[in-house]
Amino acid sequence: MIDIEKLREQVAAIASKREALLRLLEQPDLGTLRIDVNQAIEEMDDLLEEFKQVFPGSDL
């Protein structure tokens, strides 16, 4: 059985990394990695949105 509180903690940990990815995008020498960073942000946003739909009222 899934421990919901543990799942919330893990998703919150993922959400906290989003800001670091946004700061990384500000680096002028990122080159082609910019594509991967953008993709990671998009997938993270999708994951967080799905989590909020499944667990309404969850604060992240």
PDB file of N, CA and C in Angstrom:
ATOM      1  N   MET A   1       0.833  -1.174   0.000  1.00  0.00           N
ATOM      2  CA  MET A   1       0.000   0.000   0.000  1.00  0.00           C
ATOM      3  C   MET A   1       0.886   1.248   0.000  1.00  0.00           C
ATOM      4  N   ILE A   2       0.452   2.266  -0.703  1.00  0.00           N
ATOM      5  CA  ILE A   2       1.206   3.505  -0.816  1.00  0.00           C
ATOM      6  C   ILE A   2       0.955   4.374   0.413  1.00  0.00           C
ATOM      7  N   ASP A   3       2.027   4.864   0.988  1.00  0.00           N
ATOM      8  CA  ASP A   3       1.935   5.807   2.096  1.00  0.00           C
ATOM      9  C   ASP A   3       1.751   7.196   1.490  1.00  0.00           C
ATOM     10  N   ILE A   4       0.554   7.748   1.601  1.00  0.00           N
ATOM     11  CA  ILE A   4       0.217   9.012   0.959  1.00  0.00           C
ATOM     12  C   ILE A   4       1.110  10.143   1.464  1.00  0.00           C
ATOM     13  N   GLU A   5       1.395  10.163   2.742  1.00  0.00           N
ATOM     14  CA  GLU A   5       2.236  11.234   3.287  1.00  0.00           C
ATOM     15  C   GLU A   5       3.649  11.169   2.702  1.00  0.00           C
ATOM     16  N   LYS A   6       4.166   9.973   2.552  1.00  0.00           N
ATOM     17  CA  LYS A   6       5.494   9.791   1.951  1.00  0.00           C
ATOM     18  C   LYS A   6       5.478  10.256   0.497  1.00  0.00           C
ATOM     19  N   LEU A   7       4.420   9.939  -0.213  1.00  0.00           N
ATOM     20  CA  LEU A   7       4.268  10.365  -1.599  1.00  0.00           C
ATOM     21  C   LEU A   7       4.229  11.890  -1.682  1.00  0.00           C
ATOM     22  N   ARG A   8       3.483  12.516  -0.789  1.00  0.00           N
ATOM     23  CA  ARG A   8       3.428  13.985  -0.771  1.00  0.00           C
ATOM     24  C   ARG A   8       4.817  14.581  -0.526  1.00  0.00           C
ATOM     25  N   GLU A   9       5.572  13.992   0.380  1.00  0.00           N
ATOM     26  CA  GLU A   9       6.924  14.478   0.670  1.00  0.00           C
ATOM     27  C   GLU A   9       7.819  14.368  -0.564  1.00  0.00           C
ATOM     28  N   GLN A  10       7.699  13.264  -1.272  1.00  0.00           N
ATOM     29  CA  GLN A  10       8.531  13.061  -2.452  1.00  0.00           C
ATOM     30  C   GLN A  10       8.155  14.038  -3.569  1.00  0.00           C
ATOM     31  N   VAL A  11       6.862  14.265  -3.757  1.00  0.00           N
ATOM     32  CA  VAL A  11       6.423  15.202  -4.784  1.00  0.00           C
ATOM     33  C   VAL A  11       6.837  16.622  -4.397  1.00  0.00           C
ATOM     34  N   ALA A  12       6.755  16.963  -3.124  1.00  0.00           N
ATOM     35  CA  ALA A  12       7.203  18.284  -2.666  1.00  0.00           C
ATOM     36  C   ALA A  12       8.704  18.461  -2.907  1.00  0.00           C
ATOM     37  N   ALA A  13       9.482  17.404  -2.717  1.00  0.00           N
ATOM     38  CA  ALA A  13      10.915  17.469  -2.976  1.00  0.00           C
ATOM     39  C   ALA A  13      11.179  17.726  -4.458  1.00  0.00           C
ATOM     40  N   ILE A  14      10.414  17.100  -5.316  1.00  0.00           N
ATOM     41  CA  ILE A  14      10.538  17.331  -6.760  1.00  0.00           C
ATOM     42  C   ILE A  14      10.172  18.771  -7.086  1.00  0.00           C
ATOM     43  N   ALA A  15       9.076  19.245  -6.516  1.00  0.00           N
ATOM     44  CA  ALA A  15       8.620  20.614  -6.780  1.00  0.00           C
ATOM     45  C   ALA A  15       9.668  21.638  -6.353  1.00  0.00           C
ATOM     46  N   SER A  16      10.382  21.353  -5.284  1.00  0.00           N
ATOM     47  CA  SER A  16      11.381  22.304  -4.792  1.00  0.00           C
ATOM     48  C   SER A  16      12.556  22.440  -5.750  1.00  0.00           C
ATOM     49  N   LYS A  17      12.751  21.491  -6.635  1.00  0.00           N
ATOM     50  CA  LYS A  17      13.861  21.530  -7.599  1.00  0.00           C
ATOM     51  C   LYS A  17      13.534  22.381  -8.823  1.00  0.00           C
ATOM     52  N   ARG A  18      12.270  22.732  -8.997  1.00  0.00           N
ATOM     53  CA  ARG A  18      11.856  23.492 -10.175  1.00  0.00           C
ATOM     54  C   ARG A  18      12.582  24.834 -10.259  1.00  0.00           C
ATOM     55  N   GLU A  19      12.706  25.509  -9.138  1.00  0.00           N
ATOM     56  CA  GLU A  19      13.376  26.812  -9.112  1.00  0.00           C
ATOM     57  C   GLU A  19      14.833  26.694  -9.580  1.00  0.00           C
ATOM     58  N   ALA A  20      15.491  25.618  -9.201  1.00  0.00           N
ATOM     59  CA  ALA A  20      16.879  25.408  -9.638  1.00  0.00           C
ATOM     60  C   ALA A  20      16.948  25.253 -11.159  1.00  0.00           C
ATOM     61  N   LEU A  21      15.981  24.563 -11.733  1.00  0.00           N
ATOM     62  CA  LEU A  21      15.954  24.415 -13.190  1.00  0.00           C
ATOM     63  C   LEU A  21      15.717  25.759 -13.871  1.00  0.00           C
ATOM     64  N   LEU A  22      14.854  26.577 -13.287  1.00  0.00           N
ATOM     65  CA  LEU A  22      14.598  27.899 -13.861  1.00  0.00           C
ATOM     66  C   LEU A  22      15.864  28.761 -13.809  1.00  0.00           C
ATOM     67  N   ARG A  23      16.607  28.678 -12.716  1.00  0.00           N
ATOM     68  CA  ARG A  23      17.867  29.422 -12.609  1.00  0.00           C
ATOM     69  C   ARG A  23      18.876  28.908 -13.639  1.00  0.00           C
ATOM     70  N   LEU A  24      18.869  27.619 -13.859  1.00  0.00           N
ATOM     71  CA  LEU A  24      19.773  27.034 -14.846  1.00  0.00           C
ATOM     72  C   LEU A  24      19.487  27.581 -16.242  1.00  0.00           C
ATOM     73  N   LEU A  25      18.233  27.804 -16.554  1.00  0.00           N
ATOM     74  CA  LEU A  25      17.877  28.355 -17.863  1.00  0.00           C
ATOM     75  C   LEU A  25      18.455  29.744 -18.084  1.00  0.00           C
ATOM     76  N   GLU A  26      18.757  30.453 -17.015  1.00  0.00           N
ATOM     77  CA  GLU A  26      19.303  31.802 -17.120  1.00  0.00           C
ATOM     78  C   GLU A  26      20.781  31.797 -17.517  1.00  0.00           C
ATOM     79  N   GLN A  27      21.416  30.640 -17.470  1.00  0.00           N
ATOM     80  CA  GLN A  27      22.840  30.547 -17.803  1.00  0.00           C
ATOM     81  C   GLN A  27      23.033  30.709 -19.313  1.00  0.00           C
ATOM     82  N   PRO A  28      23.858  31.665 -19.712  1.00  0.00           N
ATOM     83  CA  PRO A  28      24.029  31.917 -21.154  1.00  0.00           C
ATOM     84  C   PRO A  28      24.793  30.816 -21.889  1.00  0.00           C
ATOM     85  N   ASP A  29      25.577  30.029 -21.173  1.00  0.00           N
ATOM     86  CA  ASP A  29      26.403  29.011 -21.827  1.00  0.00           C
ATOM     87  C   ASP A  29      25.785  27.615 -21.778  1.00  0.00           C
ATOM     88  N   LEU A  30      24.504  27.533 -21.642  1.00  0.00           N
ATOM     89  CA  LEU A  30      23.818  26.251 -21.493  1.00  0.00           C
ATOM     90  C   LEU A  30      23.808  25.442 -22.801  1.00  0.00           C
ATOM     91  N   GLY A  31      23.800  26.124 -23.904  1.00  0.00           N
ATOM     92  CA  GLY A  31      23.839  25.450 -25.202  1.00  0.00           C
ATOM     93  C   GLY A  31      22.623  24.559 -25.438  1.00  0.00           C
ATOM     94  N   THR A  32      22.899  23.377 -25.997  1.00  0.00           N
ATOM     95  CA  THR A  32      21.800  22.474 -26.349  1.00  0.00           C
ATOM     96  C   THR A  32      21.139  21.839 -25.121  1.00  0.00           C
ATOM     97  N   LEU A  33      21.787  21.950 -23.953  1.00  0.00           N
ATOM     98  CA  LEU A  33      21.160  21.434 -22.727  1.00  0.00           C
ATOM     99  C   LEU A  33      19.893  22.200 -22.379  1.00  0.00           C
ATOM    100  N   ARG A  34      19.751  23.402 -22.936  1.00  0.00           N
ATOM    101  CA  ARG A  34      18.555  24.219 -22.702  1.00  0.00           C
ATOM    102  C   ARG A  34      17.291  23.440 -23.084  1.00  0.00           C
ATOM    103  N   ILE A  35      17.377  22.672 -24.145  1.00  0.00           N
ATOM    104  CA  ILE A  35      16.233  21.863 -24.594  1.00  0.00           C
ATOM    105  C   ILE A  35      15.857  20.844 -23.517  1.00  0.00           C
ATOM    106  N   ASP A  36      16.847  20.176 -22.955  1.00  0.00           N
ATOM    107  CA  ASP A  36      16.593  19.171 -21.917  1.00  0.00           C
ATOM    108  C   ASP A  36      16.039  19.799 -20.649  1.00  0.00           C
ATOM    109  N   VAL A  37      16.562  20.967 -20.290  1.00  0.00           N
ATOM    110  CA  VAL A  37      16.084  21.644 -19.087  1.00  0.00           C
ATOM    111  C   VAL A  37      14.630  22.078 -19.277  1.00  0.00           C
ATOM    112  N   ASN A  38      14.326  22.617 -20.453  1.00  0.00           N
ATOM    113  CA  ASN A  38      12.935  22.992 -20.743  1.00  0.00           C
ATOM    114  C   ASN A  38      12.013  21.783 -20.672  1.00  0.00           C
ATOM    115  N   GLN A  39      12.464  20.671 -21.224  1.00  0.00           N
ATOM    116  CA  GLN A  39      11.664  19.440 -21.202  1.00  0.00           C
ATOM    117  C   GLN A  39      11.438  18.974 -19.769  1.00  0.00           C
ATOM    118  N   ALA A  40      12.472  19.044 -18.957  1.00  0.00           N
ATOM    119  CA  ALA A  40      12.356  18.629 -17.554  1.00  0.00           C
ATOM    120  C   ALA A  40      11.343  19.496 -16.815  1.00  0.00           C
ATOM    121  N   ILE A  41      11.364  20.795 -17.072  1.00  0.00           N
ATOM    122  CA  ILE A  41      10.406  21.705 -16.428  1.00  0.00           C
ATOM    123  C   ILE A  41       8.983  21.375 -16.870  1.00  0.00           C
ATOM    124  N   GLU A  42       8.797  21.138 -18.156  1.00  0.00           N
ATOM    125  CA  GLU A  42       7.464  20.803 -18.666  1.00  0.00           C
ATOM    126  C   GLU A  42       6.946  19.508 -18.032  1.00  0.00           C
ATOM    127  N   GLU A  43       7.801  18.497 -17.963  1.00  0.00           N
ATOM    128  CA  GLU A  43       7.379  17.221 -17.384  1.00  0.00           C
ATOM    129  C   GLU A  43       7.112  17.363 -15.889  1.00  0.00           C
ATOM    130  N   MET A  44       7.905  18.167 -15.215  1.00  0.00           N
ATOM    131  CA  MET A  44       7.686  18.409 -13.796  1.00  0.00           C
ATOM    132  C   MET A  44       6.348  19.108 -13.576  1.00  0.00           C
ATOM    133  N   ASP A  45       6.059  20.102 -14.412  1.00  0.00           N
ATOM    134  CA  ASP A  45       4.782  20.808 -14.301  1.00  0.00           C
ATOM    135  C   ASP A  45       3.608  19.863 -14.528  1.00  0.00           C
ATOM    136  N   ASP A  46       3.750  18.960 -15.507  1.00  0.00           N
ATOM    137  CA  ASP A  46       2.694  17.975 -15.768  1.00  0.00           C
ATOM    138  C   ASP A  46       2.496  17.057 -14.564  1.00  0.00           C
ATOM    139  N   LEU A  47       3.592  16.588 -14.008  1.00  0.00           N
ATOM    140  CA  LEU A  47       3.523  15.713 -12.837  1.00  0.00           C
ATOM    141  C   LEU A  47       2.832  16.409 -11.667  1.00  0.00           C
ATOM    142  N   LEU A  48       3.220  17.656 -11.405  1.00  0.00           N
ATOM    143  CA  LEU A  48       2.631  18.390 -10.287  1.00  0.00           C
ATOM    144  C   LEU A  48       1.144  18.656 -10.512  1.00  0.00           C
ATOM    145  N   GLU A  49       0.778  18.951 -11.745  1.00  0.00           N
ATOM    146  CA  GLU A  49      -0.634  19.189 -12.058  1.00  0.00           C
ATOM    147  C   GLU A  49      -1.448  17.907 -11.862  1.00  0.00           C
ATOM    148  N   GLU A  50      -0.926  16.789 -12.327  1.00  0.00           N
ATOM    149  CA  GLU A  50      -1.621  15.513 -12.147  1.00  0.00           C
ATOM    150  C   GLU A  50      -1.746  15.159 -10.668  1.00  0.00           C
ATOM    151  N   PHE A  51      -0.704  15.418  -9.901  1.00  0.00           N
ATOM    152  CA  PHE A  51      -0.749  15.142  -8.469  1.00  0.00           C
ATOM    153  C   PHE A  51      -1.850  15.967  -7.807  1.00  0.00           C
ATOM    154  N   LYS A  52      -1.942  17.245  -8.190  1.00  0.00           N
ATOM    155  CA  LYS A  52      -2.967  18.114  -7.608  1.00  0.00           C
ATOM    156  C   LYS A  52      -4.373  17.663  -7.996  1.00  0.00           C
ATOM    157  N   GLN A  53      -4.522  17.098  -9.185  1.00  0.00           N
ATOM    158  CA  GLN A  53      -5.841  16.595  -9.615  1.00  0.00           C
ATOM    159  C   GLN A  53      -6.223  15.356  -8.842  1.00  0.00           C
ATOM    160  N   VAL A  54      -5.248  14.479  -8.598  1.00  0.00           N
ATOM    161  CA  VAL A  54      -5.515  13.232  -7.890  1.00  0.00           C
ATOM    162  C   VAL A  54      -5.706  13.480  -6.394  1.00  0.00           C
ATOM    163  N   PHE A  55      -4.939  14.421  -5.853  1.00  0.00           N
ATOM    164  CA  PHE A  55      -5.001  14.744  -4.433  1.00  0.00           C
ATOM    165  C   PHE A  55      -5.350  16.224  -4.270  1.00  0.00           C
ATOM    166  N   PRO A  56      -6.606  16.591  -4.518  1.00  0.00           N
ATOM    167  CA  PRO A  56      -6.991  17.995  -4.398  1.00  0.00           C
ATOM    168  C   PRO A  56      -6.722  18.523  -2.987  1.00  0.00           C
ATOM    169  N   GLY A  57      -6.334  19.767  -2.924  1.00  0.00           N
ATOM    170  CA  GLY A  57      -6.069  20.381  -1.647  1.00  0.00           C
ATOM    171  C   GLY A  57      -4.656  20.175  -1.161  1.00  0.00           C
ATOM    172  N   SER A  58      -3.857  19.443  -1.926  1.00  0.00           N
ATOM    173  CA  SER A  58      -2.454  19.243  -1.523  1.00  0.00           C
ATOM    174  C   SER A  58      -1.678  20.509  -1.781  1.00  0.00           C
ATOM    175  N   ASP A  59      -0.996  20.976  -0.771  1.00  0.00           N
ATOM    176  CA  ASP A  59      -0.174  22.174  -0.921  1.00  0.00           C
ATOM    177  C   ASP A  59       1.237  21.782  -1.283  1.00  0.00           C
ATOM    178  N   LEU A  60       1.688  22.276  -2.433  1.00  0.00           N
ATOM    179  CA  LEU A  60       3.065  22.017  -2.875  1.00  0.00           C
ATOM    180  C   LEU A  60       3.746  23.320  -3.142  1.00  0.00           C
TER     181      LEU A  60
END
